[in-house]
């Protein structure tokens, strides 16, 4: 399945998964992932997505262009051997993360990721993808009783992307790219 669309998404830094903060939301799925970057501007990323809930695994090649709330995104599946070849070409450890997806009252989905769990640089973030910029800009976390959880909106702030984290934690001297 190929996706080519405008990704409209807001991002918040959070302390962990909602249930760890006493928030109950319907859980849609749990995924264990590994991702790495061939480039961060524009983004060229590979990702292994192991859907724990449904019991299947996918390998994805993704291209993203732009910064901030709206970005062009092209994503398509690749064969396992192509993923492994690209992983070898990157030559740096991939970033592990666990992502849980939760249903919100208004039909949107909250995706919460824990990155590099068990390391000194571990952190968690939440994202919501929207059908339009108008809906994204109008969204108020109080709608879903998340006003105490979604407080640190970092959408579009420099240094808050996974690509920036890749450069800071995986590449020598913060160099962009991923090849040896």
N, C-alpha and C. Protein backbone atom coordinates (compact mmCIF):
# COMPACT_ATOMS: atom_id res chain seq x y z
N UNK A 1 0.84 -1.17 0.00
CA UNK A 1 0.00 0.00 0.00
C UNK A 1 0.90 1.24 0.00
N UNK A 2 0.68 2.12 -0.94
CA UNK A 2 1.47 3.34 -1.06
C UNK A 2 0.67 4.53 -0.57
N UNK A 3 1.33 5.42 0.15
CA UNK A 3 0.70 6.64 0.63
C UNK A 3 1.46 7.83 0.06
N UNK A 4 0.76 8.75 -0.53
CA UNK A 4 1.33 10.00 -1.00
C UNK A 4 0.33 11.07 -0.63
N UNK A 5 0.62 11.81 0.41
CA UNK A 5 -0.34 12.80 0.89
C UNK A 5 0.36 13.92 1.66
N UNK A 6 -0.42 14.89 2.00
CA UNK A 6 0.05 15.97 2.86
C UNK A 6 -0.22 15.52 4.30
N UNK A 7 0.85 15.37 5.07
CA UNK A 7 0.72 15.00 6.47
C UNK A 7 0.52 16.28 7.28
N UNK A 8 -0.59 16.35 8.00
CA UNK A 8 -0.90 17.51 8.84
C UNK A 8 -0.95 16.97 10.27
N UNK A 9 0.05 17.35 11.06
CA UNK A 9 0.25 16.69 12.34
C UNK A 9 0.78 17.65 13.40
N UNK A 10 0.25 17.52 14.62
CA UNK A 10 0.79 18.25 15.76
C UNK A 10 1.52 17.27 16.67
N UNK A 11 2.53 17.79 17.38
CA UNK A 11 3.37 16.95 18.22
C UNK A 11 3.54 17.59 19.60
N UNK A 12 3.48 16.74 20.64
CA UNK A 12 3.68 17.16 22.02
C UNK A 12 4.71 16.26 22.68
N UNK A 13 5.54 16.81 23.53
CA UNK A 13 6.40 16.00 24.39
C UNK A 13 5.54 15.60 25.58
N UNK A 14 5.61 14.33 25.97
CA UNK A 14 4.79 13.82 27.07
C UNK A 14 5.67 12.99 28.02
N UNK A 15 5.14 12.69 29.20
CA UNK A 15 5.92 11.97 30.21
C UNK A 15 5.88 10.46 30.04
N UNK A 16 5.02 9.95 29.20
CA UNK A 16 4.89 8.50 28.98
C UNK A 16 3.57 8.21 28.29
N UNK A 17 3.15 6.97 28.34
CA UNK A 17 1.87 6.59 27.75
C UNK A 17 0.73 7.12 28.62
N UNK A 18 -0.43 7.39 28.02
CA UNK A 18 -1.55 7.97 28.80
C UNK A 18 -1.89 7.19 30.07
N UNK A 19 -1.91 5.86 29.98
CA UNK A 19 -2.28 5.05 31.15
C UNK A 19 -1.30 5.24 32.30
N UNK A 20 -0.06 5.62 32.00
CA UNK A 20 0.92 5.89 33.05
C UNK A 20 0.64 7.20 33.77
N UNK A 21 -0.21 8.02 33.15
CA UNK A 21 -0.62 9.29 33.77
C UNK A 21 -2.06 9.21 34.29
N UNK A 22 -2.60 7.99 34.36
CA UNK A 22 -3.96 7.80 34.87
C UNK A 22 -5.04 8.13 33.86
N UNK A 23 -4.71 8.20 32.59
CA UNK A 23 -5.69 8.52 31.54
C UNK A 23 -6.10 7.23 30.85
N UNK A 24 -7.41 7.02 30.74
CA UNK A 24 -7.93 5.84 30.08
C UNK A 24 -8.48 6.21 28.72
N UNK A 25 -7.90 5.62 27.68
CA UNK A 25 -8.36 5.81 26.30
C UNK A 25 -8.44 4.44 25.64
N UNK A 26 -9.37 4.26 24.69
CA UNK A 26 -9.43 2.98 23.97
C UNK A 26 -8.15 2.76 23.16
N UNK A 27 -7.46 1.64 23.42
CA UNK A 27 -6.22 1.29 22.73
C UNK A 27 -6.56 0.61 21.41
N UNK A 28 -6.05 1.15 20.31
CA UNK A 28 -6.30 0.59 18.98
C UNK A 28 -5.23 -0.41 18.57
N UNK A 29 -3.96 -0.07 18.80
CA UNK A 29 -2.89 -0.99 18.43
C UNK A 29 -1.59 -0.61 19.13
N UNK A 30 -0.68 -1.60 19.16
CA UNK A 30 0.65 -1.42 19.71
C UNK A 30 1.63 -1.88 18.64
N UNK A 31 2.65 -1.05 18.38
CA UNK A 31 3.66 -1.38 17.38
C UNK A 31 5.05 -1.22 17.99
N UNK A 32 5.92 -2.16 17.66
CA UNK A 32 7.34 -2.03 17.99
C UNK A 32 8.04 -1.67 16.69
N UNK A 33 8.86 -0.64 16.74
CA UNK A 33 9.47 -0.12 15.52
C UNK A 33 10.97 0.03 15.68
N UNK A 34 11.63 0.07 14.52
CA UNK A 34 13.03 0.48 14.42
C UNK A 34 13.08 1.39 13.20
N UNK A 35 13.73 2.54 13.33
CA UNK A 35 13.83 3.42 12.18
C UNK A 35 15.20 4.07 12.10
N UNK A 36 15.58 4.36 10.86
CA UNK A 36 16.86 5.00 10.60
C UNK A 36 16.74 5.92 9.40
N UNK A 37 17.70 6.81 9.27
CA UNK A 37 17.63 7.87 8.26
C UNK A 37 18.80 7.80 7.29
N UNK A 38 18.50 7.88 6.01
CA UNK A 38 19.52 8.06 4.99
C UNK A 38 19.78 9.55 4.80
N UNK A 39 18.77 10.37 5.09
CA UNK A 39 18.86 11.83 5.01
C UNK A 39 17.77 12.40 5.92
N UNK A 40 18.02 13.58 6.48
CA UNK A 40 16.99 14.21 7.30
C UNK A 40 16.38 15.45 6.63
N UNK A 41 17.01 16.01 5.61
CA UNK A 41 16.44 17.16 4.90
C UNK A 41 16.81 17.09 3.43
N UNK A 42 15.91 16.59 2.59
CA UNK A 42 14.60 16.05 2.94
C UNK A 42 14.74 14.71 3.68
N UNK A 43 13.70 14.33 4.36
CA UNK A 43 13.71 13.09 5.12
C UNK A 43 13.63 11.90 4.17
N UNK A 44 14.57 10.98 4.33
CA UNK A 44 14.52 9.67 3.68
C UNK A 44 14.76 8.68 4.81
N UNK A 45 13.71 7.92 5.14
CA UNK A 45 13.74 7.09 6.34
C UNK A 45 13.31 5.67 6.01
N UNK A 46 13.89 4.70 6.71
CA UNK A 46 13.39 3.33 6.67
C UNK A 46 12.81 3.01 8.04
N UNK A 47 11.80 2.14 8.04
CA UNK A 47 11.20 1.76 9.32
C UNK A 47 10.68 0.33 9.24
N UNK A 48 10.98 -0.41 10.30
CA UNK A 48 10.36 -1.72 10.50
C UNK A 48 9.21 -1.50 11.47
N UNK A 49 8.00 -1.90 11.08
CA UNK A 49 6.82 -1.74 11.92
C UNK A 49 6.27 -3.12 12.25
N UNK A 50 6.47 -3.54 13.50
CA UNK A 50 5.97 -4.83 13.97
C UNK A 50 4.68 -4.56 14.73
N UNK A 51 3.54 -4.83 14.08
CA UNK A 51 2.24 -4.59 14.69
C UNK A 51 1.94 -5.73 15.66
N UNK A 52 2.18 -5.49 16.94
CA UNK A 52 2.00 -6.50 17.97
C UNK A 52 0.53 -6.88 18.09
N UNK A 53 -0.37 -5.92 17.94
CA UNK A 53 -1.80 -6.16 18.10
C UNK A 53 -2.33 -7.10 17.02
N UNK A 54 -1.94 -6.88 15.78
CA UNK A 54 -2.48 -7.66 14.66
C UNK A 54 -1.55 -8.79 14.22
N UNK A 55 -0.32 -8.82 14.74
CA UNK A 55 0.58 -9.91 14.46
C UNK A 55 1.20 -9.91 13.07
N UNK A 56 1.50 -8.74 12.53
CA UNK A 56 2.20 -8.70 11.24
C UNK A 56 3.29 -7.63 11.26
N UNK A 57 4.22 -7.75 10.32
CA UNK A 57 5.36 -6.85 10.26
C UNK A 57 5.44 -6.24 8.86
N UNK A 58 5.80 -4.96 8.80
CA UNK A 58 5.96 -4.27 7.52
C UNK A 58 7.28 -3.52 7.52
N UNK A 59 7.86 -3.38 6.35
CA UNK A 59 9.08 -2.61 6.15
C UNK A 59 8.72 -1.46 5.22
N UNK A 60 9.03 -0.23 5.64
CA UNK A 60 8.56 0.97 4.97
C UNK A 60 9.73 1.86 4.58
N UNK A 61 9.65 2.42 3.38
CA UNK A 61 10.56 3.47 2.94
C UNK A 61 9.72 4.73 2.86
N UNK A 62 10.20 5.81 3.48
CA UNK A 62 9.42 7.05 3.58
C UNK A 62 10.26 8.24 3.15
N UNK A 63 9.61 9.14 2.42
CA UNK A 63 10.19 10.42 2.03
C UNK A 63 9.28 11.51 2.57
N UNK A 64 9.86 12.52 3.20
CA UNK A 64 9.09 13.66 3.70
C UNK A 64 9.78 14.94 3.28
N UNK A 65 8.97 15.93 2.94
CA UNK A 65 9.51 17.23 2.55
C UNK A 65 8.74 18.31 3.29
N UNK A 66 9.49 19.25 3.86
CA UNK A 66 8.86 20.36 4.56
C UNK A 66 9.08 20.28 6.05
N UNK A 67 8.69 21.33 6.74
CA UNK A 67 8.83 21.44 8.18
C UNK A 67 7.52 21.95 8.77
N UNK A 68 7.30 21.69 10.03
CA UNK A 68 6.15 22.26 10.71
C UNK A 68 4.90 21.41 10.65
N UNK A 69 3.77 22.07 10.67
CA UNK A 69 2.46 21.43 10.75
C UNK A 69 2.15 20.56 9.55
N UNK A 70 2.47 21.00 8.34
CA UNK A 70 2.12 20.27 7.12
C UNK A 70 3.37 19.91 6.34
N UNK A 71 3.45 18.62 5.96
CA UNK A 71 4.60 18.15 5.18
C UNK A 71 4.12 17.15 4.13
N UNK A 72 4.74 17.20 2.97
CA UNK A 72 4.45 16.20 1.94
C UNK A 72 5.09 14.89 2.36
N UNK A 73 4.35 13.78 2.25
CA UNK A 73 4.85 12.48 2.66
C UNK A 73 4.55 11.45 1.59
N UNK A 74 5.56 10.68 1.24
CA UNK A 74 5.42 9.55 0.32
C UNK A 74 5.99 8.34 1.04
N UNK A 75 5.16 7.31 1.20
CA UNK A 75 5.53 6.13 1.97
C UNK A 75 5.10 4.89 1.21
N UNK A 76 5.98 3.89 1.13
CA UNK A 76 5.57 2.64 0.50
C UNK A 76 6.33 1.47 1.10
N UNK A 77 5.73 0.27 1.01
CA UNK A 77 6.38 -0.92 1.58
C UNK A 77 7.57 -1.34 0.73
N UNK A 78 8.56 -1.93 1.39
CA UNK A 78 9.70 -2.51 0.68
C UNK A 78 9.90 -3.94 1.19
N UNK A 79 10.63 -4.71 0.43
CA UNK A 79 10.94 -6.09 0.80
C UNK A 79 11.93 -6.10 1.97
N UNK A 80 11.90 -7.17 2.74
CA UNK A 80 12.78 -7.33 3.89
C UNK A 80 14.25 -7.18 3.50
N UNK A 81 14.65 -7.79 2.38
CA UNK A 81 16.05 -7.73 1.98
C UNK A 81 16.48 -6.32 1.60
N UNK A 82 15.57 -5.54 1.02
CA UNK A 82 15.89 -4.14 0.69
C UNK A 82 16.03 -3.32 1.98
N UNK A 83 15.16 -3.58 2.95
CA UNK A 83 15.28 -2.91 4.25
C UNK A 83 16.64 -3.22 4.87
N UNK A 84 17.03 -4.50 4.87
CA UNK A 84 18.30 -4.90 5.48
C UNK A 84 19.48 -4.27 4.74
N UNK A 85 19.40 -4.17 3.42
CA UNK A 85 20.48 -3.52 2.65
C UNK A 85 20.58 -2.04 2.99
N UNK A 86 19.44 -1.36 3.09
CA UNK A 86 19.44 0.06 3.44
C UNK A 86 19.93 0.26 4.88
N UNK A 87 19.53 -0.63 5.77
CA UNK A 87 19.99 -0.57 7.16
C UNK A 87 21.52 -0.68 7.22
N UNK A 88 22.08 -1.59 6.44
CA UNK A 88 23.53 -1.74 6.38
C UNK A 88 24.18 -0.49 5.80
N UNK A 89 23.54 0.09 4.79
CA UNK A 89 24.08 1.30 4.16
C UNK A 89 24.11 2.47 5.15
N UNK A 90 23.10 2.54 6.01
CA UNK A 90 23.04 3.60 7.02
C UNK A 90 24.23 3.51 7.96
N UNK A 91 24.55 2.31 8.41
CA UNK A 91 25.74 2.11 9.21
C UNK A 91 25.70 2.66 10.62
N UNK A 92 24.53 2.92 11.15
CA UNK A 92 24.37 3.39 12.53
C UNK A 92 23.21 2.62 13.14
N UNK A 93 23.20 2.46 14.46
CA UNK A 93 22.09 1.73 15.09
C UNK A 93 20.76 2.43 14.83
N UNK A 94 19.75 1.65 14.47
CA UNK A 94 18.42 2.22 14.27
C UNK A 94 17.82 2.62 15.61
N UNK A 95 16.85 3.50 15.56
CA UNK A 95 16.18 3.99 16.76
C UNK A 95 15.00 3.06 17.06
N UNK A 96 15.02 2.41 18.24
CA UNK A 96 13.86 1.60 18.61
C UNK A 96 12.80 2.47 19.27
N UNK A 97 11.55 2.14 18.97
CA UNK A 97 10.47 2.82 19.68
C UNK A 97 9.24 1.93 19.73
N UNK A 98 8.42 2.18 20.73
CA UNK A 98 7.14 1.52 20.87
C UNK A 98 6.09 2.60 20.68
N UNK A 99 5.13 2.33 19.77
CA UNK A 99 4.06 3.30 19.53
C UNK A 99 2.72 2.66 19.84
N UNK A 100 1.95 3.37 20.65
CA UNK A 100 0.58 2.95 20.95
C UNK A 100 -0.37 3.96 20.34
N UNK A 101 -1.43 3.45 19.71
CA UNK A 101 -2.44 4.32 19.08
C UNK A 101 -3.74 4.21 19.86
N UNK A 102 -4.33 5.37 20.15
CA UNK A 102 -5.54 5.45 20.96
C UNK A 102 -6.63 6.20 20.21
N UNK A 103 -7.86 5.74 20.36
CA UNK A 103 -9.00 6.41 19.73
C UNK A 103 -9.41 7.60 20.59
N UNK A 104 -9.58 8.75 19.94
CA UNK A 104 -10.08 9.94 20.63
C UNK A 104 -11.57 10.08 20.34
N UNK A 105 -12.27 10.86 21.16
CA UNK A 105 -13.72 11.01 21.04
C UNK A 105 -14.16 11.59 19.70
N UNK A 106 -13.35 12.46 19.13
CA UNK A 106 -13.74 13.19 17.92
C UNK A 106 -13.35 12.46 16.63
N UNK A 107 -12.98 11.17 16.73
CA UNK A 107 -12.62 10.41 15.55
C UNK A 107 -11.14 10.47 15.20
N UNK A 108 -10.38 11.33 15.86
CA UNK A 108 -8.94 11.41 15.62
C UNK A 108 -8.23 10.30 16.40
N UNK A 109 -6.96 10.09 16.06
CA UNK A 109 -6.17 9.06 16.72
C UNK A 109 -4.94 9.71 17.37
N UNK A 110 -4.72 9.41 18.64
CA UNK A 110 -3.54 9.86 19.37
C UNK A 110 -2.50 8.75 19.27
N UNK A 111 -1.32 9.07 18.74
CA UNK A 111 -0.22 8.12 18.67
C UNK A 111 0.85 8.57 19.65
N UNK A 112 1.20 7.69 20.58
CA UNK A 112 2.20 8.01 21.60
C UNK A 112 3.37 7.04 21.42
N UNK A 113 4.57 7.61 21.31
CA UNK A 113 5.77 6.81 21.10
C UNK A 113 6.75 6.99 22.25
N UNK A 114 7.32 5.86 22.67
CA UNK A 114 8.43 5.86 23.63
C UNK A 114 9.68 5.49 22.84
N UNK A 115 10.67 6.36 22.86
CA UNK A 115 11.87 6.25 22.03
C UNK A 115 13.08 5.89 22.88
N UNK A 116 13.88 4.94 22.39
CA UNK A 116 15.14 4.56 23.06
C UNK A 116 14.94 4.22 24.53
N UNK A 117 13.87 3.49 24.84
CA UNK A 117 13.55 3.15 26.22
C UNK A 117 14.75 2.49 26.90
N UNK A 118 15.01 2.87 28.14
CA UNK A 118 16.09 2.30 28.93
C UNK A 118 17.45 2.93 28.70
N UNK A 119 17.50 4.00 27.89
CA UNK A 119 18.77 4.70 27.66
C UNK A 119 18.70 6.08 28.29
N UNK A 120 19.83 6.75 28.46
CA UNK A 120 19.82 8.10 29.04
C UNK A 120 19.08 9.12 28.16
N UNK A 121 18.95 8.86 26.87
CA UNK A 121 18.28 9.82 25.99
C UNK A 121 16.81 9.47 25.73
N UNK A 122 16.28 8.48 26.44
CA UNK A 122 14.89 8.04 26.22
C UNK A 122 13.92 9.20 26.44
N UNK A 123 12.86 9.20 25.64
CA UNK A 123 11.81 10.20 25.79
C UNK A 123 10.53 9.68 25.16
N UNK A 124 9.42 10.38 25.41
CA UNK A 124 8.13 10.03 24.83
C UNK A 124 7.52 11.26 24.19
N UNK A 125 6.78 11.02 23.12
CA UNK A 125 6.07 12.10 22.45
C UNK A 125 4.74 11.60 21.93
N UNK A 126 3.83 12.53 21.70
CA UNK A 126 2.50 12.20 21.19
C UNK A 126 2.24 13.01 19.93
N UNK A 127 1.50 12.41 19.01
CA UNK A 127 1.14 13.09 17.76
C UNK A 127 -0.32 12.81 17.43
N UNK A 128 -0.93 13.78 16.79
CA UNK A 128 -2.26 13.61 16.23
C UNK A 128 -2.20 14.11 14.80
N UNK A 129 -2.67 13.28 13.86
CA UNK A 129 -2.75 13.68 12.46
C UNK A 129 -4.18 14.16 12.18
N UNK A 130 -4.29 15.23 11.40
CA UNK A 130 -5.57 15.90 11.16
C UNK A 130 -5.92 15.90 9.68
N UNK A 131 -7.21 16.05 9.37
CA UNK A 131 -7.63 16.10 7.97
C UNK A 131 -7.34 17.45 7.29
N UNK A 132 -7.13 18.50 8.09
CA UNK A 132 -6.85 19.81 7.52
C UNK A 132 -6.10 20.67 8.54
N UNK A 133 -5.45 21.73 8.05
CA UNK A 133 -4.76 22.66 8.96
C UNK A 133 -5.76 23.36 9.87
N UNK A 134 -6.95 23.64 9.35
CA UNK A 134 -7.98 24.31 10.17
C UNK A 134 -8.35 23.46 11.38
N UNK A 135 -8.55 22.16 11.14
CA UNK A 135 -8.90 21.25 12.24
C UNK A 135 -7.72 21.14 13.21
N UNK A 136 -6.50 21.07 12.68
CA UNK A 136 -5.31 20.98 13.53
C UNK A 136 -5.18 22.21 14.42
N UNK A 137 -5.32 23.37 13.84
CA UNK A 137 -5.18 24.62 14.60
C UNK A 137 -6.30 24.82 15.61
N UNK A 138 -7.47 24.26 15.33
CA UNK A 138 -8.62 24.43 16.22
C UNK A 138 -8.65 23.38 17.34
N UNK A 139 -7.86 22.32 17.21
CA UNK A 139 -7.93 21.24 18.19
C UNK A 139 -7.50 21.74 19.57
N UNK A 140 -8.33 21.42 20.55
CA UNK A 140 -8.05 21.75 21.95
C UNK A 140 -8.02 20.44 22.74
N UNK A 141 -6.90 20.13 23.40
CA UNK A 141 -6.80 18.87 24.16
C UNK A 141 -7.91 18.67 25.19
N UNK A 142 -8.55 19.75 25.63
CA UNK A 142 -9.66 19.62 26.58
C UNK A 142 -10.82 18.83 25.98
N UNK A 143 -10.94 18.84 24.65
CA UNK A 143 -11.98 18.07 23.96
C UNK A 143 -11.93 16.61 24.38
N UNK A 144 -10.75 16.08 24.57
CA UNK A 144 -10.56 14.68 24.92
C UNK A 144 -10.05 14.50 26.35
N UNK A 145 -10.23 15.52 27.18
CA UNK A 145 -9.79 15.50 28.58
C UNK A 145 -8.29 15.23 28.69
N UNK A 146 -7.51 15.81 27.78
CA UNK A 146 -6.06 15.62 27.76
C UNK A 146 -5.30 16.91 28.06
N UNK A 147 -5.97 17.88 28.67
CA UNK A 147 -5.34 19.18 28.91
C UNK A 147 -4.14 19.10 29.85
N UNK A 148 -4.09 18.11 30.75
CA UNK A 148 -2.92 17.96 31.63
C UNK A 148 -1.86 17.07 31.01
N UNK A 149 -2.19 16.37 29.95
CA UNK A 149 -1.27 15.45 29.30
C UNK A 149 -0.59 16.10 28.09
N UNK A 150 -1.37 16.75 27.25
CA UNK A 150 -0.83 17.40 26.05
C UNK A 150 -0.59 18.88 26.33
N UNK A 151 0.47 19.17 27.09
CA UNK A 151 0.75 20.56 27.48
C UNK A 151 1.95 21.16 26.76
N UNK A 152 2.87 20.32 26.28
CA UNK A 152 4.12 20.80 25.70
C UNK A 152 4.09 20.62 24.17
N UNK A 153 3.39 21.51 23.49
CA UNK A 153 3.26 21.44 22.02
C UNK A 153 4.56 21.90 21.38
N UNK A 154 5.22 21.01 20.66
CA UNK A 154 6.51 21.32 20.02
C UNK A 154 6.40 21.27 18.49
N UNK A 155 5.20 21.33 17.98
CA UNK A 155 4.98 21.27 16.54
C UNK A 155 5.82 22.32 15.83
N UNK A 156 6.67 21.87 14.93
CA UNK A 156 7.46 22.78 14.10
C UNK A 156 8.64 23.44 14.78
N UNK A 157 8.88 23.16 16.06
CA UNK A 157 10.02 23.78 16.74
C UNK A 157 11.32 23.13 16.27
N UNK A 158 12.35 23.92 16.02
CA UNK A 158 13.63 23.36 15.60
C UNK A 158 14.16 22.37 16.63
N UNK A 159 14.74 21.28 16.15
CA UNK A 159 15.35 20.29 17.03
C UNK A 159 14.39 19.29 17.63
N UNK A 160 13.10 19.35 17.30
CA UNK A 160 12.11 18.46 17.92
C UNK A 160 11.68 17.30 17.02
N UNK A 161 12.30 17.14 15.87
CA UNK A 161 11.92 16.05 14.97
C UNK A 161 12.72 14.80 15.30
N UNK A 162 12.24 13.66 14.83
CA UNK A 162 12.99 12.41 14.98
C UNK A 162 14.28 12.48 14.18
N UNK A 163 14.27 13.20 13.06
CA UNK A 163 15.49 13.39 12.28
C UNK A 163 16.56 14.12 13.08
N UNK A 164 16.15 15.14 13.82
CA UNK A 164 17.10 15.88 14.66
C UNK A 164 17.64 14.98 15.77
N UNK A 165 16.77 14.16 16.34
CA UNK A 165 17.20 13.21 17.36
C UNK A 165 18.20 12.21 16.77
N UNK A 166 17.95 11.77 15.55
CA UNK A 166 18.86 10.86 14.84
C UNK A 166 20.26 11.47 14.75
N UNK A 167 20.32 12.70 14.31
CA UNK A 167 21.61 13.38 14.16
C UNK A 167 22.31 13.50 15.51
N UNK A 168 21.56 13.88 16.56
CA UNK A 168 22.16 14.08 17.89
C UNK A 168 22.66 12.79 18.52
N UNK A 169 21.98 11.68 18.27
CA UNK A 169 22.29 10.46 19.02
C UNK A 169 22.95 9.35 18.21
N UNK A 170 22.90 9.42 16.89
CA UNK A 170 23.40 8.30 16.09
C UNK A 170 24.59 8.64 15.21
N UNK A 171 24.78 9.91 14.91
CA UNK A 171 25.82 10.28 13.96
C UNK A 171 26.99 10.98 14.65
N UNK A 172 28.21 10.68 14.21
CA UNK A 172 29.37 11.34 14.80
C UNK A 172 29.35 12.84 14.57
N UNK A 173 29.56 13.59 15.59
CA UNK A 173 29.64 15.05 15.51
C UNK A 173 28.40 15.69 14.90
N UNK A 174 27.22 15.03 14.99
CA UNK A 174 25.98 15.61 14.50
C UNK A 174 25.92 15.84 13.01
N UNK A 175 26.66 15.02 12.23
CA UNK A 175 26.65 15.18 10.77
C UNK A 175 25.35 14.64 10.21
N UNK A 176 24.80 15.30 9.18
CA UNK A 176 23.60 14.79 8.54
C UNK A 176 23.95 13.65 7.64
N UNK A 177 22.95 12.81 7.38
CA UNK A 177 23.15 11.65 6.50
C UNK A 177 23.25 10.42 7.36
N UNK A 178 23.53 9.30 6.74
CA UNK A 178 23.59 8.09 7.52
C UNK A 178 24.58 7.09 6.99
N UNK A 179 25.10 7.32 5.81
CA UNK A 179 26.02 6.36 5.22
C UNK A 179 27.37 6.39 5.89
N UNK A 180 28.11 5.33 5.67
CA UNK A 180 29.46 5.23 6.24
C UNK A 180 30.43 6.08 5.47
